[in-house]
Amino acid sequence: MKFIILIVAVLLLVWLVRGARGRVAPPPSPPPTPAEQGPQPMVACQHCGMHLPRDEALPGRGGVFCGDAHRAAYEKQHPAG
């Protein structure tokens, strides 16, 4: 009888240890990338006309631009009046 109680106690201990190890929280998932967030509205660069997502466009005088160089070139050609 003592042998059966010992076996049951050992099995219970193994079950508890394995269960505690399995309850570790999974690592947090990384934030979604822009591609995973869904489609974004597209805008055109005021200088060259290239289309790009609105989140990547740079605002400037006269519209949005695909980069600093095009924003500077546009603002040089169209001075504030």
PDB file of N, CA and C in Angstrom:
ATOM      1  N   MET A   1       0.822  -1.199   0.000  1.00  0.00           N
ATOM      2  CA  MET A   1       0.000   0.000   0.000  1.00  0.00           C
ATOM      3  C   MET A   1       0.865   1.262   0.000  1.00  0.00           C
ATOM      4  N   LYS A   2       1.931   1.262   0.797  1.00  0.00           N
ATOM      5  CA  LYS A   2       2.818   2.421   0.842  1.00  0.00           C
ATOM      6  C   LYS A   2       3.479   2.644  -0.523  1.00  0.00           C
ATOM      7  N   PHE A   3       3.753   1.543  -1.230  1.00  0.00           N
ATOM      8  CA  PHE A   3       4.385   1.635  -2.537  1.00  0.00           C
ATOM      9  C   PHE A   3       3.465   2.335  -3.540  1.00  0.00           C
ATOM     10  N   ILE A   4       2.181   2.027  -3.502  1.00  0.00           N
ATOM     11  CA  ILE A   4       1.213   2.650  -4.407  1.00  0.00           C
ATOM     12  C   ILE A   4       1.076   4.133  -4.092  1.00  0.00           C
ATOM     13  N   ILE A   5       1.031   4.510  -2.822  1.00  0.00           N
ATOM     14  CA  ILE A   5       0.945   5.923  -2.420  1.00  0.00           C
ATOM     15  C   ILE A   5       2.195   6.674  -2.877  1.00  0.00           C
ATOM     16  N   LEU A   6       3.349   6.047  -2.768  1.00  0.00           N
ATOM     17  CA  LEU A   6       4.600   6.669  -3.214  1.00  0.00           C
ATOM     18  C   LEU A   6       4.576   6.901  -4.725  1.00  0.00           C
ATOM     19  N   ILE A   7       4.118   5.918  -5.484  1.00  0.00           N
ATOM     20  CA  ILE A   7       4.035   6.070  -6.942  1.00  0.00           C
ATOM     21  C   ILE A   7       3.059   7.182  -7.309  1.00  0.00           C
ATOM     22  N   VAL A   8       1.897   7.232  -6.669  1.00  0.00           N
ATOM     23  CA  VAL A   8       0.906   8.282  -6.934  1.00  0.00           C
ATOM     24  C   VAL A   8       1.478   9.648  -6.587  1.00  0.00           C
ATOM     25  N   ALA A   9       2.209   9.755  -5.465  1.00  0.00           N
ATOM     26  CA  ALA A   9       2.807  11.030  -5.061  1.00  0.00           C
ATOM     27  C   ALA A   9       3.851  11.479  -6.072  1.00  0.00           C
ATOM     28  N   VAL A  10       4.671  10.557  -6.557  1.00  0.00           N
ATOM     29  CA  VAL A  10       5.695  10.913  -7.550  1.00  0.00           C
ATOM     30  C   VAL A  10       5.038  11.351  -8.846  1.00  0.00           C
ATOM     31  N   LEU A  11       4.024  10.616  -9.299  1.00  0.00           N
ATOM     32  CA  LEU A  11       3.321  11.000 -10.527  1.00  0.00           C
ATOM     33  C   LEU A  11       2.653  12.363 -10.385  1.00  0.00           C
ATOM     34  N   LEU A  12       2.062  12.625  -9.225  1.00  0.00           N
ATOM     35  CA  LEU A  12       1.441  13.925  -8.980  1.00  0.00           C
ATOM     36  C   LEU A  12       2.473  15.043  -9.011  1.00  0.00           C
ATOM     37  N   LEU A  13       3.632  14.802  -8.417  1.00  0.00           N
ATOM     38  CA  LEU A  13       4.698  15.797  -8.420  1.00  0.00           C
ATOM     39  C   LEU A  13       5.185  16.071  -9.843  1.00  0.00           C
ATOM     40  N   VAL A  14       5.385  15.021 -10.639  1.00  0.00           N
ATOM     41  CA  VAL A  14       5.816  15.188 -12.033  1.00  0.00           C
ATOM     42  C   VAL A  14       4.767  15.961 -12.810  1.00  0.00           C
ATOM     43  N   TRP A  15       3.490  15.639 -12.619  1.00  0.00           N
ATOM     44  CA  TRP A  15       2.417  16.325 -13.316  1.00  0.00           C
ATOM     45  C   TRP A  15       2.383  17.821 -12.966  1.00  0.00           C
ATOM     46  N   LEU A  16       2.561  18.139 -11.687  1.00  0.00           N
ATOM     47  CA  LEU A  16       2.566  19.546 -11.257  1.00  0.00           C
ATOM     48  C   LEU A  16       3.753  20.308 -11.830  1.00  0.00           C
ATOM     49  N   VAL A  17       4.932  19.690 -11.840  1.00  0.00           N
ATOM     50  CA  VAL A  17       6.126  20.362 -12.368  1.00  0.00           C
ATOM     51  C   VAL A  17       5.973  20.613 -13.865  1.00  0.00           C
ATOM     52  N   ARG A  18       5.497  19.623 -14.610  1.00  0.00           N
ATOM     53  CA  ARG A  18       5.315  19.798 -16.055  1.00  0.00           C
ATOM     54  C   ARG A  18       4.241  20.846 -16.346  1.00  0.00           C
ATOM     55  N   GLY A  19       3.192  20.881 -15.552  1.00  0.00           N
ATOM     56  CA  GLY A  19       2.129  21.858 -15.757  1.00  0.00           C
ATOM     57  C   GLY A  19       2.602  23.279 -15.485  1.00  0.00           C
ATOM     58  N   ALA A  20       3.435  23.446 -14.459  1.00  0.00           N
ATOM     59  CA  ALA A  20       3.943  24.782 -14.136  1.00  0.00           C
ATOM     60  C   ALA A  20       4.873  25.282 -15.230  1.00  0.00           C
ATOM     61  N   ARG A  21       5.649  24.384 -15.824  1.00  0.00           N
ATOM     62  CA  ARG A  21       6.568  24.783 -16.898  1.00  0.00           C
ATOM     63  C   ARG A  21       5.817  25.171 -18.162  1.00  0.00           C
ATOM     64  N   GLY A  22       4.682  24.547 -18.398  1.00  0.00           N
ATOM     65  CA  GLY A  22       3.912  24.817 -19.601  1.00  0.00           C
ATOM     66  C   GLY A  22       3.118  26.106 -19.542  1.00  0.00           C
ATOM     67  N   ARG A  23       3.037  26.733 -18.383  1.00  0.00           N
ATOM     68  CA  ARG A  23       2.235  27.944 -18.225  1.00  0.00           C
ATOM     69  C   ARG A  23       3.034  29.229 -18.419  1.00  0.00           C
ATOM     70  N   VAL A  24       4.232  29.124 -18.910  1.00  0.00           N
ATOM     71  CA  VAL A  24       5.049  30.316 -19.141  1.00  0.00           C
ATOM     72  C   VAL A  24       4.385  31.137 -20.242  1.00  0.00           C
ATOM     73  N   ALA A  25       4.265  32.448 -20.023  1.00  0.00           N
ATOM     74  CA  ALA A  25       3.619  33.324 -20.995  1.00  0.00           C
ATOM     75  C   ALA A  25       4.454  33.400 -22.270  1.00  0.00           C
ATOM     76  N   PRO A  26       3.807  33.352 -23.423  1.00  0.00           N
ATOM     77  CA  PRO A  26       4.557  33.464 -24.673  1.00  0.00           C
ATOM     78  C   PRO A  26       5.140  34.875 -24.813  1.00  0.00           C
ATOM     79  N   PRO A  27       6.232  35.012 -25.550  1.00  0.00           N
ATOM     80  CA  PRO A  27       6.811  36.347 -25.719  1.00  0.00           C
ATOM     81  C   PRO A  27       5.834  37.247 -26.473  1.00  0.00           C
ATOM     82  N   PRO A  28       5.867  38.550 -26.190  1.00  0.00           N
ATOM     83  CA  PRO A  28       4.932  39.458 -26.866  1.00  0.00           C
ATOM     84  C   PRO A  28       5.225  39.507 -28.359  1.00  0.00           C
ATOM     85  N   SER A  29       4.176  39.628 -29.130  1.00  0.00           N
ATOM     86  CA  SER A  29       4.356  39.696 -30.579  1.00  0.00           C
ATOM     87  C   SER A  29       4.815  41.095 -30.969  1.00  0.00           C
ATOM     88  N   PRO A  30       5.631  41.198 -32.015  1.00  0.00           N
ATOM     89  CA  PRO A  30       6.108  42.521 -32.442  1.00  0.00           C
ATOM     90  C   PRO A  30       4.949  43.340 -33.005  1.00  0.00           C
ATOM     91  N   PRO A  31       5.082  44.663 -32.983  1.00  0.00           N
ATOM     92  CA  PRO A  31       4.007  45.498 -33.534  1.00  0.00           C
ATOM     93  C   PRO A  31       3.839  45.219 -35.023  1.00  0.00           C
ATOM     94  N   PRO A  32       2.646  45.382 -35.531  1.00  0.00           N
ATOM     95  CA  PRO A  32       2.423  45.087 -36.943  1.00  0.00           C
ATOM     96  C   PRO A  32       3.197  46.042 -37.855  1.00  0.00           C
ATOM     97  N   THR A  33       3.697  45.495 -38.941  1.00  0.00           N
ATOM     98  CA  THR A  33       4.399  46.315 -39.928  1.00  0.00           C
ATOM     99  C   THR A  33       3.370  47.054 -40.766  1.00  0.00           C
ATOM    100  N   PRO A  34       3.761  48.109 -41.465  1.00  0.00           N
ATOM    101  CA  PRO A  34       2.783  48.828 -42.297  1.00  0.00           C
ATOM    102  C   PRO A  34       2.071  47.919 -43.287  1.00  0.00           C
ATOM    103  N   ALA A  35       2.758  46.900 -43.804  1.00  0.00           N
ATOM    104  CA  ALA A  35       2.113  45.994 -44.753  1.00  0.00           C
ATOM    105  C   ALA A  35       1.009  45.192 -44.076  1.00  0.00           C
ATOM    106  N   GLU A  36       1.153  44.884 -42.788  1.00  0.00           N
ATOM    107  CA  GLU A  36       0.154  44.120 -42.063  1.00  0.00           C
ATOM    108  C   GLU A  36      -1.013  44.987 -41.611  1.00  0.00           C
ATOM    109  N   GLN A  37      -0.857  46.285 -41.616  1.00  0.00           N
ATOM    110  CA  GLN A  37      -1.903  47.177 -41.142  1.00  0.00           C
ATOM    111  C   GLN A  37      -2.985  47.392 -42.193  1.00  0.00           C
ATOM    112  N   GLY A  38      -2.750  46.992 -43.403  1.00  0.00           N
ATOM    113  CA  GLY A  38      -3.733  47.156 -44.459  1.00  0.00           C
ATOM    114  C   GLY A  38      -3.315  48.244 -45.422  1.00  0.00           C
ATOM    115  N   PRO A  39      -4.110  48.441 -46.464  1.00  0.00           N
ATOM    116  CA  PRO A  39      -3.750  49.432 -47.481  1.00  0.00           C
ATOM    117  C   PRO A  39      -3.815  50.855 -46.935  1.00  0.00           C
ATOM    118  N   GLN A  40      -2.940  51.689 -47.448  1.00  0.00           N
ATOM    119  CA  GLN A  40      -2.900  53.094 -47.054  1.00  0.00           C
ATOM    120  C   GLN A  40      -3.223  53.951 -48.270  1.00  0.00           C
ATOM    121  N   PRO A  41      -3.770  55.134 -48.048  1.00  0.00           N
ATOM    122  CA  PRO A  41      -4.010  56.034 -49.181  1.00  0.00           C
ATOM    123  C   PRO A  41      -2.681  56.427 -49.820  1.00  0.00           C
ATOM    124  N   MET A  42      -2.682  56.529 -51.133  1.00  0.00           N
ATOM    125  CA  MET A  42      -1.485  56.918 -51.870  1.00  0.00           C
ATOM    126  C   MET A  42      -1.586  58.395 -52.215  1.00  0.00           C
ATOM    127  N   VAL A  43      -0.435  59.066 -52.196  1.00  0.00           N
ATOM    128  CA  VAL A  43      -0.347  60.476 -52.585  1.00  0.00           C
ATOM    129  C   VAL A  43       0.778  60.603 -53.606  1.00  0.00           C
ATOM    130  N   ALA A  44       0.750  61.684 -54.357  1.00  0.00           N
ATOM    131  CA  ALA A  44       1.763  61.915 -55.384  1.00  0.00           C
ATOM    132  C   ALA A  44       2.711  63.015 -54.937  1.00  0.00           C
ATOM    133  N   CYS A  45       4.005  62.808 -55.187  1.00  0.00           N
ATOM    134  CA  CYS A  45       5.008  63.835 -54.905  1.00  0.00           C
ATOM    135  C   CYS A  45       4.704  65.039 -55.780  1.00  0.00           C
ATOM    136  N   GLN A  46       4.681  66.207 -55.195  1.00  0.00           N
ATOM    137  CA  GLN A  46       4.352  67.431 -55.919  1.00  0.00           C
ATOM    138  C   GLN A  46       5.430  67.774 -56.948  1.00  0.00           C
ATOM    139  N   HIS A  47       6.654  67.299 -56.737  1.00  0.00           N
ATOM    140  CA  HIS A  47       7.765  67.631 -57.631  1.00  0.00           C
ATOM    141  C   HIS A  47       7.874  66.657 -58.804  1.00  0.00           C
ATOM    142  N   CYS A  48       7.874  65.342 -58.525  1.00  0.00           N
ATOM    143  CA  CYS A  48       8.113  64.365 -59.598  1.00  0.00           C
ATOM    144  C   CYS A  48       6.884  63.529 -59.948  1.00  0.00           C
ATOM    145  N   GLY A  49       5.859  63.558 -59.117  1.00  0.00           N
ATOM    146  CA  GLY A  49       4.642  62.821 -59.403  1.00  0.00           C
ATOM    147  C   GLY A  49       4.651  61.364 -58.957  1.00  0.00           C
ATOM    148  N   MET A  50       5.743  60.897 -58.353  1.00  0.00           N
ATOM    149  CA  MET A  50       5.805  59.513 -57.899  1.00  0.00           C
ATOM    150  C   MET A  50       4.774  59.282 -56.792  1.00  0.00           C
ATOM    151  N   HIS A  51       4.060  58.156 -56.861  1.00  0.00           N
ATOM    152  CA  HIS A  51       3.061  57.819 -55.849  1.00  0.00           C
ATOM    153  C   HIS A  51       3.719  57.042 -54.718  1.00  0.00           C
ATOM    154  N   LEU A  52       3.344  57.381 -53.495  1.00  0.00           N
ATOM    155  CA  LEU A  52       3.867  56.711 -52.316  1.00  0.00           C
ATOM    156  C   LEU A  52       2.812  56.740 -51.224  1.00  0.00           C
ATOM    157  N   PRO A  53       2.906  55.823 -50.244  1.00  0.00           N
ATOM    158  CA  PRO A  53       1.927  55.825 -49.142  1.00  0.00           C
ATOM    159  C   PRO A  53       1.967  57.147 -48.379  1.00  0.00           C
ATOM    160  N   ARG A  54       0.816  57.583 -47.937  1.00  0.00           N
ATOM    161  CA  ARG A  54       0.716  58.870 -47.240  1.00  0.00           C
ATOM    162  C   ARG A  54       1.609  58.918 -46.003  1.00  0.00           C
ATOM    163  N   ASP A  55       1.772  57.768 -45.310  1.00  0.00           N
ATOM    164  CA  ASP A  55       2.605  57.745 -44.108  1.00  0.00           C
ATOM    165  C   ASP A  55       4.079  57.981 -44.408  1.00  0.00           C
ATOM    166  N   GLU A  56       4.521  57.724 -45.639  1.00  0.00           N
ATOM    167  CA  GLU A  56       5.925  57.905 -46.000  1.00  0.00           C
ATOM    168  C   GLU A  56       6.201  59.259 -46.644  1.00  0.00           C
ATOM    169  N   ALA A  57       5.166  60.015 -46.997  1.00  0.00           N
ATOM    170  CA  ALA A  57       5.335  61.304 -47.668  1.00  0.00           C
ATOM    171  C   ALA A  57       5.765  62.384 -46.682  1.00  0.00           C
ATOM    172  N   LEU A  58       6.563  63.321 -47.171  1.00  0.00           N
ATOM    173  CA  LEU A  58       7.017  64.449 -46.350  1.00  0.00           C
ATOM    174  C   LEU A  58       6.191  65.680 -46.689  1.00  0.00           C
ATOM    175  N   PRO A  59       5.568  66.312 -45.690  1.00  0.00           N
ATOM    176  CA  PRO A  59       4.791  67.518 -45.983  1.00  0.00           C
ATOM    177  C   PRO A  59       5.710  68.700 -46.262  1.00  0.00           C
ATOM    178  N   GLY A  60       5.217  69.608 -47.054  1.00  0.00           N
ATOM    179  CA  GLY A  60       5.970  70.817 -47.357  1.00  0.00           C
ATOM    180  C   GLY A  60       5.036  71.871 -47.925  1.00  0.00           C
ATOM    181  N   ARG A  61       5.607  73.044 -48.282  1.00  0.00           N
ATOM    182  CA  ARG A  61       4.793  74.085 -48.907  1.00  0.00           C
ATOM    183  C   ARG A  61       4.315  73.587 -50.263  1.00  0.00           C
ATOM    184  N   GLY A  62       3.055  73.619 -50.506  1.00  0.00           N
ATOM    185  CA  GLY A  62       2.526  73.250 -51.808  1.00  0.00           C
ATOM    186  C   GLY A  62       2.140  71.790 -51.949  1.00  0.00           C
ATOM    187  N   GLY A  63       2.323  70.973 -50.936  1.00  0.00           N
ATOM    188  CA  GLY A  63       1.911  69.582 -51.048  1.00  0.00           C
ATOM    189  C   GLY A  63       2.798  68.641 -50.263  1.00  0.00           C
ATOM    190  N   VAL A  64       2.855  67.402 -50.752  1.00  0.00           N
ATOM    191  CA  VAL A  64       3.682  66.387 -50.113  1.00  0.00           C
ATOM    192  C   VAL A  64       4.757  65.952 -51.102  1.00  0.00           C
ATOM    193  N   PHE A  65       5.851  65.409 -50.554  1.00  0.00           N
ATOM    194  CA  PHE A  65       7.013  65.095 -51.376  1.00  0.00           C
ATOM    195  C   PHE A  65       7.567  63.733 -51.002  1.00  0.00           C
ATOM    196  N   CYS A  66       8.316  63.128 -51.958  1.00  0.00           N
ATOM    197  CA  CYS A  66       8.884  61.801 -51.730  1.00  0.00           C
ATOM    198  C   CYS A  66      10.198  61.858 -50.966  1.00  0.00           C
ATOM    199  N   GLY A  67      10.802  63.031 -50.850  1.00  0.00           N
ATOM    200  CA  GLY A  67      12.055  63.144 -50.120  1.00  0.00           C
ATOM    201  C   GLY A  67      12.424  64.600 -49.879  1.00  0.00           C
ATOM    202  N   ASP A  68      13.465  64.795 -49.062  1.00  0.00           N
ATOM    203  CA  ASP A  68      13.914  66.156 -48.742  1.00  0.00           C
ATOM    204  C   ASP A  68      14.399  66.902 -49.973  1.00  0.00           C
ATOM    205  N   ALA A  69      15.083  66.195 -50.873  1.00  0.00           N
ATOM    206  CA  ALA A  69      15.632  66.857 -52.057  1.00  0.00           C
ATOM    207  C   ALA A  69      14.516  67.413 -52.935  1.00  0.00           C
ATOM    208  N   HIS A  70      13.452  66.654 -53.130  1.00  0.00           N
ATOM    209  CA  HIS A  70      12.353  67.146 -53.966  1.00  0.00           C
ATOM    210  C   HIS A  70      11.568  68.250 -53.273  1.00  0.00           C
ATOM    211  N   ARG A  71      11.460  68.172 -51.965  1.00  0.00           N
ATOM    212  CA  ARG A  71      10.785  69.262 -51.248  1.00  0.00           C
ATOM    213  C   ARG A  71      11.583  70.549 -51.389  1.00  0.00           C
ATOM    214  N   ALA A  72      12.913  70.470 -51.217  1.00  0.00           N
ATOM    215  CA  ALA A  72      13.766  71.658 -51.343  1.00  0.00           C
ATOM    216  C   ALA A  72      13.746  72.200 -52.769  1.00  0.00           C
ATOM    217  N   ALA A  73      13.787  71.312 -53.776  1.00  0.00           N
ATOM    218  CA  ALA A  73      13.770  71.759 -55.167  1.00  0.00           C
ATOM    219  C   ALA A  73      12.456  72.451 -55.506  1.00  0.00           C
ATOM    220  N   TYR A  74      11.344  71.882 -55.063  1.00  0.00           N
ATOM    221  CA  TYR A  74      10.039  72.488 -55.330  1.00  0.00           C
ATOM    222  C   TYR A  74       9.933  73.855 -54.660  1.00  0.00           C
ATOM    223  N   GLU A  75      10.356  73.943 -53.403  1.00  0.00           N
ATOM    224  CA  GLU A  75      10.255  75.205 -52.688  1.00  0.00           C
ATOM    225  C   GLU A  75      11.214  76.254 -53.262  1.00  0.00           C
ATOM    226  N   LYS A  76      12.305  75.811 -53.874  1.00  0.00           N
ATOM    227  CA  LYS A  76      13.227  76.760 -54.535  1.00  0.00           C
ATOM    228  C   LYS A  76      12.597  77.286 -55.813  1.00  0.00           C
ATOM    229  N   GLN A  77      11.891  76.421 -56.566  1.00  0.00           N
ATOM    230  CA  GLN A  77      11.251  76.834 -57.819  1.00  0.00           C
ATOM    231  C   GLN A  77       9.991  77.665 -57.574  1.00  0.00           C
ATOM    232  N   HIS A  78       9.359  77.457 -56.443  1.00  0.00           N
ATOM    233  CA  HIS A  78       8.110  78.146 -56.110  1.00  0.00           C
ATOM    234  C   HIS A  78       8.278  78.875 -54.778  1.00  0.00           C
ATOM    235  N   PRO A  79       8.974  80.002 -54.770  1.00  0.00           N
ATOM    236  CA  PRO A  79       9.193  80.712 -53.498  1.00  0.00           C
ATOM    237  C   PRO A  79       7.869  81.211 -52.903  1.00  0.00           C
ATOM    238  N   ALA A  80       7.857  81.285 -51.572  1.00  0.00           N
ATOM    239  CA  ALA A  80       6.653  81.778 -50.880  1.00  0.00           C
ATOM    240  C   ALA A  80       6.439  83.233 -51.248  1.00  0.00           C
ATOM    241  N   GLY A  81       5.204  83.554 -51.513  1.00  0.00           N
ATOM    242  CA  GLY A  81       4.922  84.899 -52.000  1.00  0.00           C
ATOM    243  C   GLY A  81       4.132  85.708 -51.128  1.00  0.00           C
TER     244      GLY A  81
END
